[in-house]
Amino acid sequence: MSNIYPLLIILGWLFLILSTSFLCNKFFPSEKELTRKIVHIGSGPIIPIASWLNISKNLALVVACIVTATLIINYRLKLIKSIENVDRKSFGTIAYGISITSLIFIFWSNNPSAVIAGVLVMAFGDGLAGLIGRKINSIHWIIFGQRKSVVGTLSMSLITILVLSSINHITGGHLAVVDLLVITSLATILEQIGPFGIDNLTVPIGVAISWQWLLTN
């Protein structure tokens, strides 16, 4: 019974995010990217919430696997169109689910802060950078068919360093500023070379591994 209430909180949060995305798609059908980003950004806080609620690794893995399987099915059948409502080919949502599941399996028991760092950088850094970069015109370039811009890249870097600094402070980590800058640089580079949405896999995993390595060395 101890896991029921935390699980209900997590499921309630997921329902809130999906409902918000659905309503956004309904009332603002032209904002296709926004509906996806609501899910992308809104899903991130689930990980620190789960950690705060002391959800076990096994339960976290079960939920992550179910969500990932649901995302794969939805990608094929488009049951929830707002999640995949985008004008380019992307496996981002599936990659997101796989990365979260992988990080929980690897780090949840011994260093949940690594999971939190990887997921929140992806959720807030990449998610907000995508929105800001599209709304503000600036010098841009194409890498592997993906449009990147000065504003979007700077947003990714600034949000990432803020996220990492906050996690480092809240969790009592001992990462130095130079360590945080190294992780930020890695995340920004990986975000640049993420065709078809695979940065949703490479960024969280890259951030989490570098976070763990720098903490223990």
Protein backbone atom coordinates (compact mmCIF):
# COMPACT_ATOMS: atom_id res chain seq x y z
CA MET A 1 0.00 0.00 0.00
CA SER A 2 2.95 2.35 0.62
CA ASN A 3 3.49 2.84 -3.11
CA ILE A 4 -0.14 3.49 -4.05
CA TYR A 5 -0.36 7.17 -3.09
CA PRO A 6 2.98 8.15 -4.70
CA LEU A 7 1.91 6.25 -7.82
CA LEU A 8 -1.42 8.08 -7.89
CA ILE A 9 0.42 11.40 -7.66
CA ILE A 10 2.64 10.46 -10.61
CA LEU A 11 -0.31 9.26 -12.68
CA GLY A 12 -2.23 12.41 -11.76
CA TRP A 13 0.66 14.56 -12.97
CA LEU A 14 0.83 12.62 -16.25
CA PHE A 15 -2.92 13.04 -16.73
CA LEU A 16 -2.60 16.79 -16.12
CA ILE A 17 0.19 17.14 -18.70
CA LEU A 18 -1.61 15.09 -21.35
CA SER A 19 -4.87 16.96 -20.73
CA THR A 20 -3.11 20.30 -21.09
CA SER A 21 -1.49 19.17 -24.33
CA PHE A 22 -4.82 17.92 -25.64
CA LEU A 23 -6.57 21.20 -24.84
CA CYS A 24 -3.75 23.19 -26.42
CA ASN A 25 -4.06 21.13 -29.58
CA LYS A 26 -7.82 21.62 -29.59
CA PHE A 27 -7.88 25.39 -29.08
CA PHE A 28 -4.59 26.27 -30.79
CA PRO A 29 -4.31 23.72 -33.63
CA SER A 30 -1.68 25.77 -35.45
CA GLU A 31 0.74 25.52 -32.49
CA LYS A 32 1.85 21.97 -33.26
CA GLU A 33 5.27 22.31 -31.67
CA LEU A 34 3.82 23.77 -28.47
CA THR A 35 1.53 20.79 -27.87
CA ARG A 36 4.53 18.44 -28.04
CA LYS A 37 6.68 20.67 -25.87
CA ILE A 38 4.02 20.74 -23.15
CA VAL A 39 4.46 16.97 -22.83
CA HIS A 40 8.22 17.21 -23.29
CA ILE A 41 8.73 19.86 -20.61
CA GLY A 42 5.93 18.75 -18.30
CA SER A 43 7.18 15.17 -18.10
CA GLY A 44 10.55 16.21 -16.68
CA PRO A 45 9.42 17.08 -13.13
CA ILE A 46 8.03 13.56 -12.70
CA ILE A 47 11.55 12.31 -11.95
CA PRO A 48 12.37 14.64 -9.02
CA ILE A 49 8.81 14.15 -7.73
CA ALA A 50 9.30 10.37 -7.83
CA SER A 51 12.62 10.71 -6.03
CA TRP A 52 11.08 12.98 -3.37
CA LEU A 53 8.27 10.45 -2.87
CA ASN A 54 10.87 7.67 -2.43
CA ILE A 55 9.38 5.58 -5.20
CA SER A 56 11.30 2.32 -5.48
CA LYS A 57 13.48 1.50 -8.47
CA ASN A 58 11.28 -1.44 -9.44
CA LEU A 59 8.09 0.61 -9.44
CA ALA A 60 9.77 3.48 -11.28
CA LEU A 61 11.00 1.02 -13.92
CA VAL A 62 7.56 -0.54 -14.35
CA VAL A 63 5.94 2.87 -14.85
CA ALA A 64 8.71 4.02 -17.21
CA CYS A 65 8.43 0.84 -19.28
CA ILE A 66 4.64 1.16 -19.53
CA VAL A 67 4.90 4.81 -20.56
CA THR A 68 7.58 4.00 -23.16
CA ALA A 69 5.53 1.13 -24.58
CA THR A 70 2.51 3.46 -24.75
CA LEU A 71 4.59 6.06 -26.61
CA ILE A 72 5.72 3.44 -29.14
CA ILE A 73 2.12 2.34 -29.73
CA ASN A 74 0.97 5.94 -29.99
CA TYR A 75 3.72 6.70 -32.51
CA ARG A 76 2.35 3.97 -34.76
CA LEU A 77 -1.38 4.53 -34.23
CA LYS A 78 -1.53 8.25 -33.34
CA LEU A 79 -4.10 7.61 -30.60
CA ILE A 80 -3.05 10.84 -28.86
CA LYS A 81 -2.27 13.03 -31.84
CA SER A 82 -1.07 16.03 -29.84
CA ILE A 83 2.07 14.13 -28.75
CA GLU A 84 3.19 13.37 -32.30
CA ASN A 85 1.65 16.43 -33.97
CA VAL A 86 4.79 17.74 -35.65
CA ASP A 87 5.79 18.73 -39.18
CA ARG A 88 8.96 16.63 -39.34
CA LYS A 89 9.96 13.00 -38.87
CA SER A 90 10.97 12.51 -35.25
CA PHE A 91 11.38 9.61 -32.86
CA GLY A 92 11.88 12.07 -30.00
CA THR A 93 9.06 10.91 -27.75
CA ILE A 94 10.14 7.27 -27.99
CA ALA A 95 13.79 8.22 -27.39
CA TYR A 96 12.69 10.26 -24.37
CA GLY A 97 10.94 7.26 -22.83
CA ILE A 98 13.87 4.94 -23.54
CA SER A 99 16.37 7.38 -22.02
CA ILE A 100 14.35 7.81 -18.82
CA THR A 101 13.90 4.05 -18.48
CA SER A 102 17.62 3.46 -19.03
CA LEU A 103 18.67 6.10 -16.52
CA ILE A 104 16.33 4.73 -13.86
CA PHE A 105 17.76 1.25 -14.39
CA ILE A 106 21.38 2.44 -14.19
CA PHE A 107 21.36 5.22 -11.59
CA TRP A 108 18.13 5.23 -9.55
CA SER A 109 19.45 3.16 -6.65
CA ASN A 110 22.91 4.72 -6.20
CA ASN A 111 22.62 8.24 -7.62
CA PRO A 112 19.12 9.52 -8.43
CA SER A 113 20.54 13.04 -8.86
CA ALA A 114 22.17 11.81 -12.09
CA VAL A 115 18.76 10.76 -13.39
CA ILE A 116 17.24 14.09 -12.33
CA ALA A 117 20.05 16.05 -13.98
CA GLY A 118 19.78 14.16 -17.27
CA VAL A 119 16.02 14.36 -17.50
CA LEU A 120 15.58 17.98 -16.41
CA VAL A 121 18.28 19.22 -18.79
CA MET A 122 16.41 17.46 -21.57
CA ALA A 123 13.00 18.66 -20.41
CA PHE A 124 13.79 22.29 -19.67
CA GLY A 125 16.96 22.94 -21.64
CA ASP A 126 16.05 21.31 -24.93
CA GLY A 127 12.31 21.88 -24.54
CA LEU A 128 12.45 25.62 -23.89
CA ALA A 129 15.32 26.17 -26.32
CA GLY A 130 13.19 24.70 -29.10
CA LEU A 131 10.31 27.04 -28.34
CA ILE A 132 12.45 30.15 -27.87
CA GLY A 133 14.57 29.44 -30.92
CA ARG A 134 11.48 29.20 -33.12
CA LYS A 135 9.89 32.37 -31.76
CA ILE A 136 12.93 34.67 -31.98
CA ASN A 137 14.64 35.12 -35.32
CA SER A 138 18.42 34.86 -35.27
CA ILE A 139 21.32 33.48 -37.27
CA HIS A 140 20.68 29.80 -37.91
CA TRP A 141 22.27 26.77 -39.53
CA ILE A 142 21.36 23.22 -40.53
CA ILE A 143 22.99 20.15 -38.96
CA PHE A 144 21.85 16.70 -40.13
CA GLY A 145 18.70 18.28 -41.51
CA GLN A 146 17.87 19.99 -38.21
CA ARG A 147 17.53 23.78 -37.96
CA LYS A 148 19.59 25.27 -35.11
CA SER A 149 19.93 28.93 -34.18
CA VAL A 150 22.04 31.26 -32.07
CA VAL A 151 19.10 32.10 -29.78
CA GLY A 152 18.08 28.46 -29.40
CA THR A 153 21.63 27.31 -28.69
CA LEU A 154 22.25 30.07 -26.15
CA SER A 155 18.93 29.24 -24.49
CA MET A 156 19.94 25.58 -24.25
CA SER A 157 23.26 26.49 -22.63
CA LEU A 158 21.88 29.05 -20.16
CA ILE A 159 18.92 26.92 -19.07
CA THR A 160 21.15 23.86 -18.72
CA ILE A 161 23.67 25.60 -16.45
CA LEU A 162 20.81 26.96 -14.32
CA VAL A 163 19.22 23.51 -14.03
CA LEU A 164 22.51 21.81 -13.16
CA SER A 165 23.49 24.49 -10.64
CA SER A 166 20.10 24.18 -8.92
CA ILE A 167 20.32 20.39 -8.71
CA ASN A 168 23.90 20.58 -7.46
CA HIS A 169 22.85 22.99 -4.70
CA ILE A 170 19.63 21.24 -3.68
CA THR A 171 21.18 17.76 -3.56
CA GLY A 172 24.30 18.95 -1.77
CA GLY A 173 26.56 17.92 -4.62
CA HIS A 174 30.18 19.06 -4.74
CA LEU A 175 30.53 19.72 -8.44
CA ALA A 176 32.64 22.79 -9.17
CA VAL A 177 31.60 25.50 -11.62
CA VAL A 178 34.03 24.13 -14.20
CA ASP A 179 32.38 20.69 -13.88
CA LEU A 180 28.96 22.20 -14.50
CA LEU A 181 30.31 24.07 -17.53
CA VAL A 182 31.76 20.84 -18.93
CA ILE A 183 28.40 19.07 -18.63
CA THR A 184 26.62 22.09 -20.11
CA SER A 185 28.98 22.12 -23.09
CA LEU A 186 28.46 18.41 -23.66
CA ALA A 187 24.67 18.76 -23.48
CA THR A 188 24.72 21.68 -25.92
CA ILE A 189 26.88 19.78 -28.41
CA LEU A 190 24.71 16.65 -28.21
CA GLU A 191 21.59 18.77 -28.72
CA GLN A 192 23.12 20.15 -31.90
CA ILE A 193 23.66 16.72 -33.45
CA GLY A 194 20.33 15.08 -32.73
CA PRO A 195 18.61 14.19 -36.03
CA PHE A 196 15.13 12.64 -35.86
CA GLY A 197 14.87 13.52 -32.18
CA ILE A 198 17.64 11.19 -30.97
CA ASP A 199 18.97 14.02 -28.81
CA ASN A 200 16.16 13.01 -26.45
CA LEU A 201 18.26 9.91 -25.90
CA THR A 202 21.82 11.22 -26.15
CA VAL A 203 21.43 14.39 -24.07
CA PRO A 204 19.90 12.83 -20.90
CA ILE A 205 22.26 9.85 -20.97
CA GLY A 206 25.30 12.03 -21.74
CA VAL A 207 24.46 14.46 -18.94
CA ALA A 208 23.75 11.70 -16.41
CA ILE A 209 26.95 9.77 -17.16
CA SER A 210 29.13 12.89 -17.04
CA TRP A 211 27.38 14.02 -13.83
CA GLN A 212 28.09 10.65 -12.20
CA TRP A 213 31.68 10.55 -13.45
CA LEU A 214 32.53 14.07 -12.29
CA LEU A 215 30.93 13.45 -8.90
CA THR A 216 33.02 10.36 -8.27
CA ASN A 217 36.34 11.58 -9.68
